[in-house]
Amino acid sequence: MLRLFFFLKRKDGITHEQFRQHFENIHVKIADKYFTNKMLKYNRYYISDVTGSPRTGLGAREFDFDCISEWTLPDEETFREISAILTGGESGQEFYRDEENFLNREATMVIKCREGDLIRHVRPS
């Protein structure tokens, strides 16, 4: 299994809410058309507020991203298939053209975690 976490930032000049509405009502539909059927899970977490830890103080903190998008894929091969869709032909062009409407692409960060990188903590009953 492979998990990818995309840290996404809105384009200058649009609000967090405009970013969220565009992502949910337009961009996700484009992704659904081409590749979300290859994913085990596709979650999006919109940032509402960021604070420090109890030890450092729970006050508000600055955070440069508006959304964390999580893709769970069965394997690296699926990641290569989706990458091919995104880099080739009309499907990739449609996806990237839409990003120009709401996403600061240069700020995007992607974190990749493989199954062996995941440590599950289960509380004893």
C-alpha atoms as a PDB file:
ATOM      1  CA  MET A   1       0.000   0.000   0.000  1.00  0.00           C
ATOM      2  CA  LEU A   2       1.115   3.547  -0.726  1.00  0.00           C
ATOM      3  CA  ARG A   3      -0.110   6.807   0.805  1.00  0.00           C
ATOM      4  CA  LEU A   4       0.473  10.222  -0.680  1.00  0.00           C
ATOM      5  CA  PHE A   5      -0.218  13.426   1.208  1.00  0.00           C
ATOM      6  CA  PHE A   6      -0.559  16.556  -0.936  1.00  0.00           C
ATOM      7  CA  PHE A   7      -0.203  19.848   0.933  1.00  0.00           C
ATOM      8  CA  LEU A   8      -2.131  22.342  -1.190  1.00  0.00           C
ATOM      9  CA  LYS A   9      -2.312  26.126  -1.075  1.00  0.00           C
ATOM     10  CA  ARG A  10      -4.837  28.397  -2.697  1.00  0.00           C
ATOM     11  CA  LYS A  11      -3.916  30.813  -5.425  1.00  0.00           C
ATOM     12  CA  ASP A  12      -3.411  34.439  -4.369  1.00  0.00           C
ATOM     13  CA  GLY A  13      -6.603  36.444  -4.621  1.00  0.00           C
ATOM     14  CA  ILE A  14      -9.085  33.730  -3.669  1.00  0.00           C
ATOM     15  CA  THR A  15     -10.438  32.936  -0.230  1.00  0.00           C
ATOM     16  CA  HIS A  16     -10.119  29.651   1.603  1.00  0.00           C
ATOM     17  CA  GLU A  17     -13.856  29.074   1.041  1.00  0.00           C
ATOM     18  CA  GLN A  18     -13.595  29.786  -2.707  1.00  0.00           C
ATOM     19  CA  PHE A  19     -10.670  27.342  -2.871  1.00  0.00           C
ATOM     20  CA  ARG A  20     -12.691  24.662  -1.079  1.00  0.00           C
ATOM     21  CA  GLN A  21     -15.796  25.170  -3.215  1.00  0.00           C
ATOM     22  CA  HIS A  22     -13.818  24.981  -6.459  1.00  0.00           C
ATOM     23  CA  PHE A  23     -11.920  21.902  -5.311  1.00  0.00           C
ATOM     24  CA  GLU A  24     -15.084  20.040  -4.252  1.00  0.00           C
ATOM     25  CA  ASN A  25     -17.421  21.126  -7.045  1.00  0.00           C
ATOM     26  CA  ILE A  26     -15.092  21.132 -10.049  1.00  0.00           C
ATOM     27  CA  HIS A  27     -11.607  19.692  -9.482  1.00  0.00           C
ATOM     28  CA  VAL A  28     -12.677  16.506  -7.706  1.00  0.00           C
ATOM     29  CA  LYS A  29     -15.101  15.765 -10.563  1.00  0.00           C
ATOM     30  CA  ILE A  30     -12.223  15.946 -13.046  1.00  0.00           C
ATOM     31  CA  ALA A  31     -10.176  13.580 -10.868  1.00  0.00           C
ATOM     32  CA  ASP A  32     -13.176  11.235 -10.587  1.00  0.00           C
ATOM     33  CA  LYS A  33     -13.462  11.141 -14.357  1.00  0.00           C
ATOM     34  CA  TYR A  34      -9.881   9.960 -14.867  1.00  0.00           C
ATOM     35  CA  PHE A  35      -8.343   8.198 -11.887  1.00  0.00           C
ATOM     36  CA  THR A  36      -9.996   8.124  -8.457  1.00  0.00           C
ATOM     37  CA  ASN A  37     -11.399   4.692  -9.323  1.00  0.00           C
ATOM     38  CA  LYS A  38      -7.796   3.440  -9.012  1.00  0.00           C
ATOM     39  CA  MET A  39      -7.536   4.643  -5.387  1.00  0.00           C
ATOM     40  CA  LEU A  40      -8.412   2.726  -2.254  1.00  0.00           C
ATOM     41  CA  LYS A  41      -9.209   6.029  -0.492  1.00  0.00           C
ATOM     42  CA  TYR A  42      -9.245   9.705  -1.405  1.00  0.00           C
ATOM     43  CA  ASN A  43      -9.633  12.070   1.553  1.00  0.00           C
ATOM     44  CA  ARG A  44      -9.352  15.834   1.763  1.00  0.00           C
ATOM     45  CA  TYR A  45      -8.797  17.719   5.004  1.00  0.00           C
ATOM     46  CA  TYR A  46      -9.465  21.451   4.866  1.00  0.00           C
ATOM     47  CA  ILE A  47      -7.482  23.405   7.435  1.00  0.00           C
ATOM     48  CA  SER A  48      -9.723  25.303   9.836  1.00  0.00           C
ATOM     49  CA  ASP A  49      -7.115  26.394  12.355  1.00  0.00           C
ATOM     50  CA  VAL A  50      -3.582  25.528  13.416  1.00  0.00           C
ATOM     51  CA  THR A  51      -2.275  25.661  16.974  1.00  0.00           C
ATOM     52  CA  GLY A  52       0.828  24.689  18.874  1.00  0.00           C
ATOM     53  CA  SER A  53       1.008  21.664  21.126  1.00  0.00           C
ATOM     54  CA  PRO A  54       0.022  21.679  24.807  1.00  0.00           C
ATOM     55  CA  ARG A  55       3.715  21.821  25.683  1.00  0.00           C
ATOM     56  CA  THR A  56       4.554  24.787  23.419  1.00  0.00           C
ATOM     57  CA  GLY A  57       1.285  26.625  23.938  1.00  0.00           C
ATOM     58  CA  LEU A  58      -2.008  26.154  22.157  1.00  0.00           C
ATOM     59  CA  GLY A  59      -2.018  29.583  20.540  1.00  0.00           C
ATOM     60  CA  ALA A  60      -2.762  30.068  16.856  1.00  0.00           C
ATOM     61  CA  ARG A  61       0.077  29.343  14.433  1.00  0.00           C
ATOM     62  CA  GLU A  62       0.719  30.297  10.835  1.00  0.00           C
ATOM     63  CA  PHE A  63       0.309  27.510   8.278  1.00  0.00           C
ATOM     64  CA  ASP A  64       0.927  27.852   4.560  1.00  0.00           C
ATOM     65  CA  PHE A  65      -1.586  25.330   3.276  1.00  0.00           C
ATOM     66  CA  ASP A  66      -5.355  25.208   2.852  1.00  0.00           C
ATOM     67  CA  CYS A  67      -5.877  21.503   2.301  1.00  0.00           C
ATOM     68  CA  ILE A  68      -4.205  18.169   2.843  1.00  0.00           C
ATOM     69  CA  SER A  69      -5.294  15.656   0.229  1.00  0.00           C
ATOM     70  CA  GLU A  70      -4.615  12.009   1.056  1.00  0.00           C
ATOM     71  CA  TRP A  71      -4.452   9.329  -1.609  1.00  0.00           C
ATOM     72  CA  THR A  72      -4.297   5.687  -0.573  1.00  0.00           C
ATOM     73  CA  LEU A  73      -3.181   3.468  -3.455  1.00  0.00           C
ATOM     74  CA  PRO A  74      -2.707  -0.292  -3.598  1.00  0.00           C
ATOM     75  CA  ASP A  75       0.867  -0.076  -4.916  1.00  0.00           C
ATOM     76  CA  GLU A  76       3.569   1.864  -6.785  1.00  0.00           C
ATOM     77  CA  GLU A  77       2.275   0.597 -10.126  1.00  0.00           C
ATOM     78  CA  THR A  78      -1.032   2.388  -9.532  1.00  0.00           C
ATOM     79  CA  PHE A  79       0.895   5.558  -8.731  1.00  0.00           C
ATOM     80  CA  ARG A  80       2.744   5.228 -12.059  1.00  0.00           C
ATOM     81  CA  GLU A  81      -0.583   4.708 -13.886  1.00  0.00           C
ATOM     82  CA  ILE A  82      -2.091   7.848 -12.339  1.00  0.00           C
ATOM     83  CA  SER A  83       1.093   9.799 -13.058  1.00  0.00           C
ATOM     84  CA  ALA A  84       0.879   8.737 -16.711  1.00  0.00           C
ATOM     85  CA  ILE A  85      -2.729   9.947 -16.874  1.00  0.00           C
ATOM     86  CA  LEU A  86      -1.716  13.296 -15.363  1.00  0.00           C
ATOM     87  CA  THR A  87       1.268  13.842 -17.651  1.00  0.00           C
ATOM     88  CA  GLY A  88      -0.199  12.701 -20.932  1.00  0.00           C
ATOM     89  CA  GLY A  89      -2.910  13.727 -23.286  1.00  0.00           C
ATOM     90  CA  GLU A  90      -6.131  15.628 -22.797  1.00  0.00           C
ATOM     91  CA  SER A  91      -6.825  14.222 -19.318  1.00  0.00           C
ATOM     92  CA  GLY A  92      -3.657  15.723 -17.872  1.00  0.00           C
ATOM     93  CA  GLN A  93      -4.203  18.993 -19.698  1.00  0.00           C
ATOM     94  CA  GLU A  94      -7.756  19.289 -18.341  1.00  0.00           C
ATOM     95  CA  PHE A  95      -6.584  18.564 -14.799  1.00  0.00           C
ATOM     96  CA  TYR A  96      -3.710  21.074 -14.881  1.00  0.00           C
ATOM     97  CA  ARG A  97      -5.754  23.753 -16.689  1.00  0.00           C
ATOM     98  CA  ASP A  98      -8.258  23.595 -13.861  1.00  0.00           C
ATOM     99  CA  GLU A  99      -5.513  23.933 -11.237  1.00  0.00           C
ATOM    100  CA  GLU A 100      -4.705  27.343 -12.736  1.00  0.00           C
ATOM    101  CA  ASN A 101      -8.124  28.517 -11.486  1.00  0.00           C
ATOM    102  CA  PHE A 102      -7.576  27.953  -7.781  1.00  0.00           C
ATOM    103  CA  LEU A 103      -4.257  26.310  -6.847  1.00  0.00           C
ATOM    104  CA  ASN A 104      -0.814  27.727  -6.139  1.00  0.00           C
ATOM    105  CA  ARG A 105       0.954  24.816  -7.825  1.00  0.00           C
ATOM    106  CA  GLU A 106       4.462  26.035  -6.945  1.00  0.00           C
ATOM    107  CA  ALA A 107       3.635  25.743  -3.211  1.00  0.00           C
ATOM    108  CA  THR A 108       2.414  22.140  -3.463  1.00  0.00           C
ATOM    109  CA  MET A 109       4.305  19.570  -1.407  1.00  0.00           C
ATOM    110  CA  VAL A 110       3.838  15.811  -1.742  1.00  0.00           C
ATOM    111  CA  ILE A 111       4.812  13.317   0.941  1.00  0.00           C
ATOM    112  CA  LYS A 112       4.934   9.642  -0.018  1.00  0.00           C
ATOM    113  CA  CYS A 113       4.685   6.879   2.627  1.00  0.00           C
ATOM    114  CA  ARG A 114       4.896   3.186   1.856  1.00  0.00           C
ATOM    115  CA  GLU A 115       3.217   0.467   3.904  1.00  0.00           C
ATOM    116  CA  GLY A 116       6.441  -0.271   5.802  1.00  0.00           C
ATOM    117  CA  ASP A 117       6.566   3.394   6.889  1.00  0.00           C
ATOM    118  CA  LEU A 118       3.230   3.108   8.706  1.00  0.00           C
ATOM    119  CA  ILE A 119       3.278   2.230  12.394  1.00  0.00           C
ATOM    120  CA  ARG A 120      -0.151   1.497  13.792  1.00  0.00           C
ATOM    121  CA  HIS A 121      -0.770   2.130  17.442  1.00  0.00           C
ATOM    122  CA  VAL A 122      -3.648   0.174  18.861  1.00  0.00           C
ATOM    123  CA  ARG A 123      -4.684   0.768  22.441  1.00  0.00           C
ATOM    124  CA  PRO A 124      -5.174  -2.352  24.509  1.00  0.00           C
ATOM    125  CA  SER A 125      -8.819  -2.954  25.410  1.00  0.00           C
END
